[in-house]
Protein backbone atom coordinates (compact mmCIF):
# COMPACT_ATOMS: atom_id res chain seq x y z
CA UNK A 1 -38.16 26.79 -47.60
CA UNK A 2 -35.28 28.67 -48.33
CA UNK A 3 -34.34 32.13 -48.47
CA UNK A 4 -34.38 33.88 -51.89
CA UNK A 5 -30.64 34.01 -53.32
CA UNK A 6 -29.47 31.28 -50.94
CA UNK A 7 -27.39 28.45 -52.47
CA UNK A 8 -28.19 24.85 -51.98
CA UNK A 9 -25.08 23.25 -50.72
CA UNK A 10 -23.72 20.36 -53.13
CA UNK A 11 -24.46 17.07 -52.13
CA UNK A 12 -27.31 17.97 -49.74
CA UNK A 13 -29.24 14.98 -50.32
CA UNK A 14 -26.29 12.83 -49.36
CA UNK A 15 -25.80 14.47 -45.93
CA UNK A 16 -29.47 14.19 -45.63
CA UNK A 17 -29.71 10.51 -46.38
CA UNK A 18 -26.49 9.83 -43.78
CA UNK A 19 -28.56 11.41 -40.94
CA UNK A 20 -31.76 9.26 -41.81
CA UNK A 21 -32.50 6.14 -39.92
CA UNK A 22 -31.51 4.09 -43.08
CA UNK A 23 -28.05 6.19 -43.38
CA UNK A 24 -27.48 5.51 -39.84
CA UNK A 25 -27.89 2.05 -39.58
CA UNK A 26 -25.69 1.73 -43.07
CA UNK A 27 -22.73 4.00 -41.50
CA UNK A 28 -23.14 1.60 -38.68
CA UNK A 29 -22.94 -1.78 -40.26
CA UNK A 30 -19.81 -0.16 -42.36
CA UNK A 31 -17.91 0.70 -39.34
CA UNK A 32 -18.48 -2.91 -37.78
CA UNK A 33 -18.30 -5.13 -40.82
CA UNK A 34 -15.93 -7.76 -40.64
CA UNK A 35 -14.95 -7.47 -44.32
CA UNK A 36 -13.41 -3.88 -43.29
CA UNK A 37 -10.98 -5.75 -40.75
CA UNK A 38 -10.18 -7.89 -44.02
CA UNK A 39 -9.59 -5.65 -46.56
CA UNK A 40 -5.78 -5.22 -45.95
CA UNK A 41 -5.29 -8.95 -45.64
CA UNK A 42 -7.44 -9.98 -48.85
CA UNK A 43 -5.55 -7.21 -50.74
CA UNK A 44 -2.42 -8.71 -49.77
CA UNK A 45 -3.30 -12.25 -50.94
CA UNK A 46 -4.68 -10.34 -53.85
CA UNK A 47 -1.45 -8.62 -54.70
CA UNK A 48 0.84 -11.79 -54.38
CA UNK A 49 -1.64 -14.38 -56.32
CA UNK A 50 -4.05 -12.94 -58.91
CA UNK A 51 -2.53 -9.73 -59.48
CA UNK A 52 0.76 -10.61 -60.00
CA UNK A 53 -0.29 -13.22 -62.54
CA UNK A 54 -2.30 -11.15 -64.19
CA UNK A 55 -0.15 -8.33 -64.66
CA UNK A 56 2.19 -11.31 -66.34
CA UNK A 57 -0.22 -11.60 -68.96
CA UNK A 58 0.28 -9.94 -72.42
CA UNK A 59 -0.31 -6.30 -71.99
CA UNK A 60 -3.37 -6.43 -74.44
CA UNK A 61 -6.66 -4.87 -73.38
CA UNK A 62 -8.21 -7.90 -74.68
CA UNK A 63 -6.53 -10.23 -72.26
CA UNK A 64 -6.20 -7.85 -69.22
CA UNK A 65 -9.69 -6.98 -69.19
CA UNK A 66 -10.59 -10.68 -69.25
CA UNK A 67 -8.44 -11.81 -66.32
CA UNK A 68 -10.09 -9.36 -64.08
CA UNK A 69 -13.36 -11.28 -64.61
CA UNK A 70 -11.54 -14.38 -63.84
CA UNK A 71 -9.84 -13.13 -60.82
CA UNK A 72 -13.04 -12.66 -58.93
CA UNK A 73 -12.99 -16.25 -58.15
CA UNK A 74 -10.86 -15.54 -55.39
CA UNK A 75 -12.43 -12.51 -54.09
CA UNK A 76 -15.93 -14.02 -54.27
CA UNK A 77 -14.90 -17.01 -52.25
CA UNK A 78 -13.47 -14.86 -49.56
CA UNK A 79 -16.45 -12.43 -49.47
CA UNK A 80 -18.99 -15.11 -49.58
CA UNK A 81 -17.38 -16.69 -46.24
CA UNK A 82 -17.41 -13.36 -44.66
CA UNK A 83 -21.19 -12.69 -45.56
CA UNK A 84 -22.26 -15.97 -43.97
CA UNK A 85 -20.18 -15.22 -41.12
CA UNK A 86 -21.62 -11.50 -40.62
CA UNK A 87 -25.43 -13.35 -41.30
CA UNK A 88 -24.66 -15.53 -38.42
CA UNK A 89 -23.35 -12.77 -35.97
CA UNK A 90 -26.77 -11.85 -34.02
CA UNK A 91 -27.08 -15.65 -33.10
CA UNK A 92 -23.78 -16.37 -32.26
CA UNK A 93 -24.00 -13.53 -29.68
CA UNK A 94 -27.21 -14.84 -28.44
CA UNK A 95 -29.05 -11.43 -28.96
CA UNK A 96 -31.69 -12.27 -31.56
CA UNK A 97 -34.48 -11.90 -28.91
CA UNK A 98 -33.22 -8.67 -27.83
CA UNK A 99 -33.21 -7.45 -31.37
CA UNK A 100 -36.99 -8.62 -31.63
CA UNK A 101 -37.96 -5.50 -29.99
CA UNK A 102 -36.23 -3.15 -32.34
CA UNK A 103 -38.49 -0.51 -34.42
CA UNK A 104 -37.24 -1.95 -37.90
CA UNK A 105 -38.05 -5.71 -39.28
CA UNK A 106 -35.10 -7.79 -39.26
CA UNK A 107 -35.01 -8.04 -43.12
CA UNK A 108 -33.89 -4.34 -43.20
CA UNK A 109 -31.17 -4.97 -40.65
CA UNK A 110 -30.17 -8.11 -42.56
CA UNK A 111 -30.28 -5.82 -45.85
CA UNK A 112 -27.86 -3.25 -44.01
CA UNK A 113 -25.38 -5.94 -42.67
CA UNK A 114 -25.35 -7.66 -46.14
CA UNK A 115 -25.02 -4.30 -47.83
CA UNK A 116 -22.00 -3.18 -46.05
CA UNK A 117 -20.21 -6.53 -46.88
CA UNK A 118 -20.95 -6.05 -50.35
CA UNK A 119 -19.65 -2.39 -50.39
CA UNK A 120 -16.36 -3.51 -48.89
CA UNK A 121 -16.14 -6.19 -51.25
CA UNK A 122 -16.72 -4.05 -54.18
CA UNK A 123 -14.58 -1.46 -52.81
CA UNK A 124 -11.82 -4.07 -52.78
CA UNK A 125 -12.41 -5.55 -56.36
CA UNK A 126 -12.85 -2.18 -57.78
CA UNK A 127 -9.22 -1.23 -56.46
CA UNK A 128 -7.79 -4.39 -57.99
CA UNK A 129 -9.34 -3.31 -61.39
CA UNK A 130 -8.18 -0.08 -61.19
CA UNK A 131 -4.41 -1.35 -60.35
CA UNK A 132 -4.67 -3.72 -63.61
CA UNK A 133 -6.17 -0.81 -65.73
CA UNK A 134 -3.91 1.80 -64.70
CA UNK A 135 -0.85 -0.36 -65.49
CA UNK A 136 -2.13 -1.72 -68.51
CA UNK A 137 -2.76 1.55 -69.78
CA UNK A 138 1.30 2.53 -69.29
CA UNK A 139 1.80 -0.86 -70.90
CA UNK A 140 -0.87 -1.29 -73.81
CA UNK A 141 0.35 0.38 -77.34
CA UNK A 142 -3.25 0.40 -78.62
CA UNK A 143 -6.96 -0.05 -77.69
CA UNK A 144 -9.12 0.72 -74.41
CA UNK A 145 -10.47 -1.05 -71.50
CA UNK A 146 -13.11 -3.60 -72.20
CA UNK A 147 -15.90 -2.80 -69.07
CA UNK A 148 -18.03 -5.84 -69.72
CA UNK A 149 -15.68 -8.39 -68.02
CA UNK A 150 -15.20 -6.42 -64.80
CA UNK A 151 -18.69 -5.61 -64.41
CA UNK A 152 -19.48 -9.41 -64.72
CA UNK A 153 -16.84 -9.73 -62.38
CA UNK A 154 -18.22 -7.00 -59.85
CA UNK A 155 -21.72 -8.32 -60.20
CA UNK A 156 -20.25 -11.84 -59.28
CA UNK A 157 -18.77 -10.60 -56.25
CA UNK A 158 -21.94 -9.07 -55.06
CA UNK A 159 -23.81 -12.44 -55.81
CA UNK A 160 -21.60 -14.25 -53.72
CA UNK A 161 -21.88 -12.02 -51.09
CA UNK A 162 -25.62 -12.34 -51.53
CA UNK A 163 -25.67 -16.42 -51.29
CA UNK A 164 -23.19 -16.30 -48.51
CA UNK A 165 -25.34 -14.07 -46.33
CA UNK A 166 -28.52 -16.38 -47.01
CA UNK A 167 -26.66 -19.46 -46.25
CA UNK A 168 -25.51 -17.49 -43.02
CA UNK A 169 -29.02 -16.45 -41.92
CA UNK A 170 -30.67 -19.46 -42.76
CA UNK A 171 -28.45 -22.32 -41.57
CA UNK A 172 -26.54 -20.48 -38.99
CA UNK A 173 -23.68 -22.60 -37.45
CA UNK A 174 -19.90 -22.80 -36.70
CA UNK A 175 -19.02 -24.47 -39.92
CA UNK A 176 -21.19 -22.72 -42.15
CA UNK A 177 -18.91 -19.82 -43.46
CA UNK A 178 -16.02 -22.12 -44.31
CA UNK A 179 -18.20 -24.39 -46.17
CA UNK A 180 -19.82 -21.89 -48.16
CA UNK A 181 -15.94 -20.31 -49.22
CA UNK A 182 -15.31 -24.09 -50.19
CA UNK A 183 -18.49 -24.15 -52.14
CA UNK A 184 -17.99 -20.85 -54.01
CA UNK A 185 -14.32 -21.64 -54.77
CA UNK A 186 -15.58 -25.07 -56.56
CA UNK A 187 -18.66 -23.82 -58.31
CA UNK A 188 -16.76 -22.90 -61.13
CA UNK A 189 -15.18 -26.08 -61.53
CA UNK A 190 -18.94 -27.43 -61.79
CA UNK A 191 -19.60 -25.05 -64.79
CA UNK A 192 -16.16 -26.49 -66.46
CA UNK A 193 -17.81 -29.91 -65.98
CA UNK A 194 -21.15 -29.06 -67.26
CA UNK A 195 -19.26 -27.52 -70.62
CA UNK A 196 -17.29 -30.85 -70.80
CA UNK A 197 -20.48 -32.70 -70.91
CA UNK A 198 -21.81 -29.88 -73.64
CA UNK A 199 -24.36 -28.62 -71.47
CA UNK A 200 -24.26 -24.67 -72.28
CA UNK A 201 -25.89 -23.66 -68.75
CA UNK A 202 -22.20 -23.94 -67.51
CA UNK A 203 -20.95 -21.09 -69.32
CA UNK A 204 -23.24 -19.01 -66.90
CA UNK A 205 -20.06 -19.36 -64.44
CA UNK A 206 -18.60 -15.87 -64.05
CA UNK A 207 -15.32 -17.04 -64.63
CA UNK A 208 -16.35 -18.20 -68.10
CA UNK A 209 -15.87 -15.57 -70.55
CA UNK A 210 -16.82 -15.07 -74.69
CA UNK A 211 -13.48 -14.22 -75.79
CA UNK A 212 -11.08 -16.38 -78.16
CA UNK A 213 -7.39 -16.08 -79.32
CA UNK A 214 -7.63 -12.32 -80.75
CA UNK A 215 -10.68 -11.38 -79.48
CA UNK A 216 -10.64 -7.36 -78.45
CA UNK A 217 -7.71 -7.16 -81.02
CA UNK A 218 -8.25 -8.53 -84.32
CA UNK A 219 -11.97 -9.09 -83.96
CA UNK A 220 -14.58 -7.62 -81.53
CA UNK A 221 -15.13 -8.98 -78.06
CA UNK A 222 -18.69 -10.44 -78.31
CA UNK A 223 -20.69 -9.17 -75.31
CA UNK A 224 -23.82 -11.43 -75.67
CA UNK A 225 -22.52 -13.97 -73.16
CA UNK A 226 -21.47 -11.02 -70.30
CA UNK A 227 -24.74 -9.72 -70.65
CA UNK A 228 -26.39 -13.08 -70.06
CA UNK A 229 -24.18 -13.75 -67.12
CA UNK A 230 -25.01 -10.18 -65.58
CA UNK A 231 -28.89 -11.04 -66.17
CA UNK A 232 -28.55 -14.78 -64.20
CA UNK A 233 -26.33 -12.84 -61.41
CA UNK A 234 -28.82 -10.24 -61.02
CA UNK A 235 -31.47 -12.89 -60.59
CA UNK A 236 -29.15 -14.64 -58.19
CA UNK A 237 -29.09 -11.59 -56.16
CA UNK A 238 -32.73 -10.68 -56.05
CA UNK A 239 -33.79 -14.13 -55.42
CA UNK A 240 -31.27 -14.59 -52.56
CA UNK A 241 -32.11 -11.18 -50.85
CA UNK A 242 -35.94 -12.07 -51.35
CA UNK A 243 -35.33 -15.51 -49.50
CA UNK A 244 -34.09 -13.55 -46.06
CA UNK A 245 -37.57 -11.79 -46.03
CA UNK A 246 -39.80 -15.37 -46.07
CA UNK A 247 -39.08 -16.38 -42.43
CA UNK A 248 -41.69 -15.48 -40.06
CA UNK A 249 -39.01 -13.63 -37.86
CA UNK A 250 -38.01 -11.25 -40.90
CA UNK A 251 -40.78 -9.26 -40.46
CA UNK A 252 -44.62 -8.90 -40.83
CA UNK A 253 -46.74 -9.78 -43.77
CA UNK A 254 -45.63 -7.01 -45.78
CA UNK A 255 -42.02 -7.82 -45.65
CA UNK A 256 -42.82 -11.58 -46.37
CA UNK A 257 -45.14 -10.00 -49.25
CA UNK A 258 -41.83 -8.39 -50.80
CA UNK A 259 -39.60 -11.01 -50.16
CA UNK A 260 -41.98 -13.39 -52.41
CA UNK A 261 -41.96 -10.83 -55.22
CA UNK A 262 -38.22 -10.51 -55.00
CA UNK A 263 -37.88 -14.22 -55.40
CA UNK A 264 -39.92 -14.57 -58.18
CA UNK A 265 -38.57 -11.89 -60.07
CA UNK A 266 -35.00 -13.34 -59.29
CA UNK A 267 -36.09 -16.88 -60.40
CA UNK A 268 -37.23 -15.12 -63.49
CA UNK A 269 -34.38 -13.53 -64.37
CA UNK A 270 -32.04 -16.64 -63.70
CA UNK A 271 -34.37 -18.67 -65.71
CA UNK A 272 -33.85 -16.49 -68.50
CA UNK A 273 -30.06 -16.54 -68.22
CA UNK A 274 -30.29 -20.29 -68.43
CA UNK A 275 -32.43 -19.97 -71.37
CA UNK A 276 -30.23 -17.64 -73.26
CA UNK A 277 -26.91 -19.75 -72.10
CA UNK A 278 -28.77 -22.76 -73.66
CA UNK A 279 -28.46 -20.79 -77.22
CA UNK A 280 -24.80 -20.20 -77.06
CA UNK A 281 -22.89 -20.74 -80.17
CA UNK A 282 -19.35 -21.45 -80.06
CA UNK A 283 -17.66 -20.05 -83.53
CA UNK A 284 -14.27 -18.72 -84.69
CA UNK A 285 -14.57 -15.58 -83.24
CA UNK A 286 -15.75 -16.44 -79.84
CA UNK A 287 -19.05 -17.35 -78.19
CA UNK A 288 -22.00 -15.84 -79.63
CA UNK A 289 -25.45 -15.42 -78.18
CA UNK A 290 -28.08 -15.00 -80.88
CA UNK A 291 -30.20 -12.59 -79.12
CA UNK A 292 -27.50 -10.19 -78.83
CA UNK A 293 -25.59 -10.50 -81.96
CA UNK A 294 -25.68 -9.15 -85.42
CA UNK A 295 -23.89 -9.61 -88.36
CA UNK A 296 -22.29 -6.42 -87.64
CA UNK A 297 -20.73 -7.56 -84.79
CA UNK A 298 -18.29 -9.91 -86.82
CA UNK A 299 -16.30 -7.33 -88.60
CA UNK A 300 -12.57 -6.92 -88.07
CA UNK A 301 -11.56 -4.55 -85.91
CA UNK A 302 -9.85 -1.63 -88.26
CA UNK A 303 -6.35 -0.36 -87.30
CA UNK A 304 -3.70 1.32 -88.65
CA UNK A 305 -0.39 -0.97 -88.85
CA UNK A 306 2.90 -0.26 -86.90
CA UNK A 307 5.66 -0.56 -89.21
CA UNK A 308 9.58 -0.81 -89.43
CA UNK A 309 9.95 1.23 -92.77
CA UNK A 310 13.83 1.78 -92.45
CA UNK A 311 14.29 -1.96 -93.36
CA UNK A 312 15.06 -3.43 -96.76
CA UNK A 313 11.66 -5.16 -96.68
CA UNK A 314 9.28 -3.16 -94.53
CA UNK A 315 7.66 -5.09 -91.79
CA UNK A 316 4.20 -4.16 -90.21
CA UNK A 317 2.34 -5.54 -87.32
CA UNK A 318 -0.79 -4.90 -85.47
CA UNK A 319 -0.34 -1.41 -83.19
CA UNK A 320 -0.82 -3.62 -79.97
CA UNK A 321 2.18 -5.79 -81.02
CA UNK A 322 4.32 -2.45 -81.44
CA UNK A 323 6.47 -3.66 -78.65
CA UNK A 324 6.98 -7.25 -80.46
CA UNK A 325 7.98 -5.23 -83.82
CA UNK A 326 11.77 -5.38 -83.29
CA UNK A 327 11.59 -9.20 -82.40
CA UNK A 328 9.79 -9.64 -85.43
CA UNK A 329 11.99 -7.82 -87.76
CA UNK A 330 15.38 -9.42 -86.35
CA UNK A 331 13.51 -12.67 -86.95
CA UNK A 332 12.46 -11.81 -90.79
CA UNK A 333 15.21 -9.32 -91.70
CA UNK A 334 17.99 -11.71 -92.27
CA UNK A 335 16.08 -13.73 -94.75
CA UNK A 336 14.24 -10.72 -96.46
CA UNK A 337 17.70 -9.09 -96.93
CA UNK A 338 19.19 -11.85 -99.05
CA UNK A 339 16.38 -11.63 -101.41
CA UNK A 340 15.42 -8.17 -101.64
CA UNK A 341 14.90 -6.81 -104.89
CA UNK A 342 15.02 -10.28 -106.47
CA UNK A 343 11.79 -11.34 -108.71
CA UNK A 344 9.39 -13.04 -106.44
CA UNK A 345 10.77 -11.07 -103.13
CA UNK A 346 8.44 -9.71 -101.24
CA UNK A 347 8.52 -5.85 -101.29
CA UNK A 348 6.92 -5.67 -97.80
CA UNK A 349 5.45 -7.89 -95.01
CA UNK A 350 2.06 -7.50 -93.30
CA UNK A 351 -0.89 -9.00 -91.90
CA UNK A 352 -3.72 -10.10 -93.95
CA UNK A 353 -7.04 -8.77 -92.99
CA UNK A 354 -8.80 -10.68 -90.28
CA UNK A 355 -11.41 -12.89 -91.00
CA UNK A 356 -12.84 -16.02 -89.65
CA UNK A 357 -10.38 -18.19 -91.67
CA UNK A 358 -7.03 -16.25 -91.21
CA UNK A 359 -7.16 -16.67 -87.52
CA UNK A 360 -5.20 -19.52 -87.92
CA UNK A 361 -1.35 -19.53 -88.33
CA UNK A 362 -0.57 -19.28 -92.00
CA UNK A 363 2.00 -17.36 -94.16
CA UNK A 364 2.17 -16.88 -97.72
CA UNK A 365 3.23 -14.55 -100.55
CA UNK A 366 0.83 -13.06 -103.08
CA UNK A 367 -0.12 -9.91 -105.18
CA UNK A 368 2.04 -7.88 -107.64
CA UNK A 369 4.30 -6.69 -106.39
CA UNK A 370 4.74 -9.58 -103.88
CA UNK A 371 3.71 -8.97 -100.09
CA UNK A 372 4.51 -11.50 -97.41
CA UNK A 373 1.21 -12.04 -95.75
CA UNK A 374 1.16 -13.04 -91.91
CA UNK A 375 -1.93 -14.40 -90.65
CA UNK A 376 -3.37 -13.00 -87.53
CA UNK A 377 -3.43 -15.82 -85.71
CA UNK A 378 0.44 -15.92 -85.64
CA UNK A 379 0.23 -12.69 -83.42
CA UNK A 380 -3.05 -13.56 -81.46
CA UNK A 381 -1.41 -13.95 -78.15
CA UNK A 382 -3.25 -17.31 -76.39
CA UNK A 383 -5.03 -16.26 -72.92
CA UNK A 384 -2.36 -17.08 -70.18
CA UNK A 385 0.66 -16.01 -72.28
CA UNK A 386 3.10 -13.27 -71.96
CA UNK A 387 5.30 -10.93 -74.13
CA UNK A 388 8.07 -12.62 -72.83
CA UNK A 389 9.65 -15.97 -73.46
CA UNK A 390 6.36 -17.91 -74.86
CA UNK A 391 5.33 -15.19 -77.51
CA UNK A 392 9.35 -14.55 -78.36
CA UNK A 393 9.52 -18.30 -78.91
CA UNK A 394 6.83 -18.09 -81.05
CA UNK A 395 8.15 -15.52 -83.07
CA UNK A 396 11.26 -17.40 -83.72
CA UNK A 397 9.21 -20.18 -84.82
CA UNK A 398 8.35 -17.86 -87.86
CA UNK A 399 11.30 -17.56 -88.93
CA UNK A 400 11.88 -21.06 -90.68
CA UNK A 401 8.82 -21.31 -92.70
CA UNK A 402 8.47 -17.64 -93.34
CA UNK A 403 12.23 -18.27 -95.18
CA UNK A 404 10.88 -21.23 -96.69
CA UNK A 405 7.70 -19.55 -98.06
CA UNK A 406 9.87 -16.36 -99.54
CA UNK A 407 12.76 -18.49 -100.90
CA UNK A 408 10.34 -20.91 -102.58
CA UNK A 409 8.48 -17.80 -103.94
CA UNK A 410 11.73 -16.80 -105.64
CA UNK A 411 13.64 -19.77 -106.79
CA UNK A 412 10.99 -22.03 -107.05
CA UNK A 413 9.49 -25.12 -105.07
CA UNK A 414 11.61 -28.02 -104.22
CA UNK A 415 9.47 -31.09 -105.22
CA UNK A 416 10.45 -33.75 -107.11
CA UNK A 417 6.90 -33.73 -109.27
CA UNK A 418 6.74 -30.36 -110.74
CA UNK A 419 8.64 -31.31 -114.29
CA UNK A 420 12.06 -30.27 -113.30
CA UNK A 421 14.97 -32.45 -113.19
CA UNK A 422 16.92 -34.04 -110.18
CA UNK A 423 19.77 -32.02 -110.76
CA UNK A 424 17.67 -28.40 -110.80
CA UNK A 425 15.99 -29.88 -107.49
CA UNK A 426 19.25 -29.98 -105.92
CA UNK A 427 20.20 -26.60 -107.23
CA UNK A 428 17.00 -25.54 -105.23
CA UNK A 429 17.76 -27.07 -102.27
CA UNK A 430 21.34 -26.07 -102.10
CA UNK A 431 20.40 -22.44 -102.69
CA UNK A 432 17.81 -22.51 -99.96
CA UNK A 433 20.17 -24.26 -97.49
CA UNK A 434 22.61 -21.72 -98.01
CA UNK A 435 20.14 -19.00 -97.47
CA UNK A 436 18.89 -20.60 -94.62
CA UNK A 437 22.33 -21.02 -93.22
CA UNK A 438 23.36 -17.54 -93.68
CA UNK A 439 20.10 -16.29 -91.80
CA UNK A 440 21.10 -18.45 -88.67
CA UNK A 441 18.69 -21.18 -89.63
CA UNK A 442 19.34 -25.05 -90.10
CA UNK A 443 20.63 -25.72 -93.53
CA UNK A 444 18.72 -28.64 -93.55
CA UNK A 445 15.49 -28.94 -91.13
CA UNK A 446 13.84 -32.32 -90.47
CA UNK A 447 12.03 -33.66 -93.50
CA UNK A 448 13.32 -30.19 -95.41
CA UNK A 449 10.20 -28.39 -95.42
CA UNK A 450 11.56 -25.54 -97.56
CA UNK A 451 8.93 -26.07 -100.05
CA UNK A 452 5.69 -25.50 -97.65
CA UNK A 453 4.19 -28.27 -99.31
CA UNK A 454 0.47 -27.85 -100.26
CA UNK A 455 -0.24 -31.83 -100.15
CA UNK A 456 1.26 -34.32 -97.86
CA UNK A 457 2.17 -36.48 -100.55
CA UNK A 458 4.44 -34.06 -102.11
CA UNK A 459 7.91 -35.24 -100.78
CA UNK A 460 11.50 -33.21 -101.40
CA UNK A 461 14.15 -35.52 -102.23
CA UNK A 462 16.64 -35.60 -99.17
CA UNK A 463 19.85 -33.73 -99.59
CA UNK A 464 23.06 -35.76 -101.05
CA UNK A 465 26.39 -34.81 -99.92
CA UNK A 466 27.13 -32.86 -102.86
CA UNK A 467 23.90 -30.61 -101.73
CA UNK A 468 25.44 -30.10 -98.88
CA UNK A 469 28.96 -29.07 -100.41
CA UNK A 470 27.07 -26.48 -102.59
CA UNK A 471 25.14 -25.31 -100.20
CA UNK A 472 28.10 -24.82 -97.60
CA UNK A 473 30.10 -22.74 -100.70
CA UNK A 474 27.17 -20.53 -101.47
CA UNK A 475 26.77 -19.76 -97.66
CA UNK A 476 30.77 -18.96 -97.46
CA UNK A 477 30.08 -16.13 -100.30
CA UNK A 478 30.11 -12.54 -99.29
CA UNK A 479 26.97 -10.81 -99.19
CA UNK A 480 27.10 -8.53 -102.20
CA UNK A 481 28.47 -11.61 -104.13
CA UNK A 482 26.16 -13.84 -103.25
CA UNK A 483 23.24 -11.18 -103.92
CA UNK A 484 25.03 -10.40 -107.25
CA UNK A 485 24.94 -13.94 -108.20
CA UNK A 486 21.15 -14.67 -107.16
CA UNK A 487 20.20 -11.46 -109.37
CA UNK A 488 22.05 -13.03 -112.57
CA UNK A 489 20.81 -16.74 -112.35
CA UNK A 490 17.43 -16.71 -110.26
CA UNK A 491 15.70 -17.09 -113.80
CA UNK A 492 18.06 -20.15 -114.62
CA UNK A 493 17.49 -21.34 -111.14
CA UNK A 494 13.54 -21.21 -111.54
CA UNK A 495 13.99 -22.61 -115.23
CA UNK A 496 15.98 -25.36 -114.22
CA UNK A 497 19.10 -24.75 -116.33
CA UNK A 498 21.77 -24.89 -113.88
CA UNK A 499 23.64 -27.59 -111.96
CA UNK A 500 25.49 -28.08 -108.33
CA UNK A 501 28.83 -27.14 -110.20
CA UNK A 502 27.50 -23.93 -111.33
CA UNK A 503 27.09 -22.49 -107.39
CA UNK A 504 29.89 -20.70 -106.78
């Protein structure tokens, strides 16, 4: 009973719990846990392997959130081995008979020992996730953390500790801990092999995620598979801890009954996870679990484009790729500046609205006034890619198809079957080649892909020496003279009224 007006100290319940028998037992296990001794070595290992690799990923919240889930594989293997070693500790020290005289059942002591390993493991994994997310928050230009993968990774670490502890307690031995570590590290490969054989239960592996290219940036992250994985992992944890109570040495009849109930509950949850995983569907927007999916989940994520508006033709991209915008502008500006203001030339460059069909890499010009549309798939960084060389190379590869699409929309397609003469085709080839050359592109790329053909049987005529000479003359003109000539004669080029000799 408290005195009137006396304030109750904050956190009084925590102090009361720490002074209880359970609190003292848990505090003792936390202090003597083997995992505590391994925190620094394992943290260094994570730093030089997973953390170093994961921070090399593109600074996108979707990509970084997924890699923290996959990183549980290394942590889980180590934690499972430590848990197995901890579970066999009493038998190694030959104090099992001595501990039988204690007031608390053996199951309670085992739960406390396991909880200490799980707590330190969660602290380690949580610190790793925090570092990844803090660094990403400083680097990312759009979005927010996706907590579903991190939750799956954390639950998987706890599940690995529970499974390892059960093996160490029920099958104690000198080789139990290393064998458990190896088994947990190899377990994800079993899930991969199952998926290769179209067995959906392989998706329950905690290193499998429902994301796809563009997930969390252009399209929503579908959390259905993450929820199913959490259900399955929860079942594994409960069943494993319940199995510890089944041996007669674990305690009395009440303990064994509680263990049976826990095992049944865990198996039911794991079976529910298996059943839900079997209903998974692979779609263009990722893995979908019908029970946790609705039509609203397929809506593209709204965003405000980031633009370079000072250019001759403004260029806009997704704000998550703001750091790539200068590279995109450098790749497209040389050609856009050559045709700016001409009939059919784009007045701006932007990403097309995201749908399942536009996640592929396509480029086209349409609308009035014309707009050069880039498919979101061209900027959707694949898992494992960075904003360094691979993505910059991908952007540089946009230059040729984008240039050819733009030029073809201005001067006309270069085909032998569109009703124009061969001389008119040669003029278009020469003009297109000259613009490519000025923009720093191959004047005549392999197979002359300038026309962005809509069918494989539409072949462009191979360039002749005369076409090459005309292209060389055209590229040698000053920018102002070249642009003025295009403004004057672009309609004649489209109509097929010029010859190679008319090209200055």
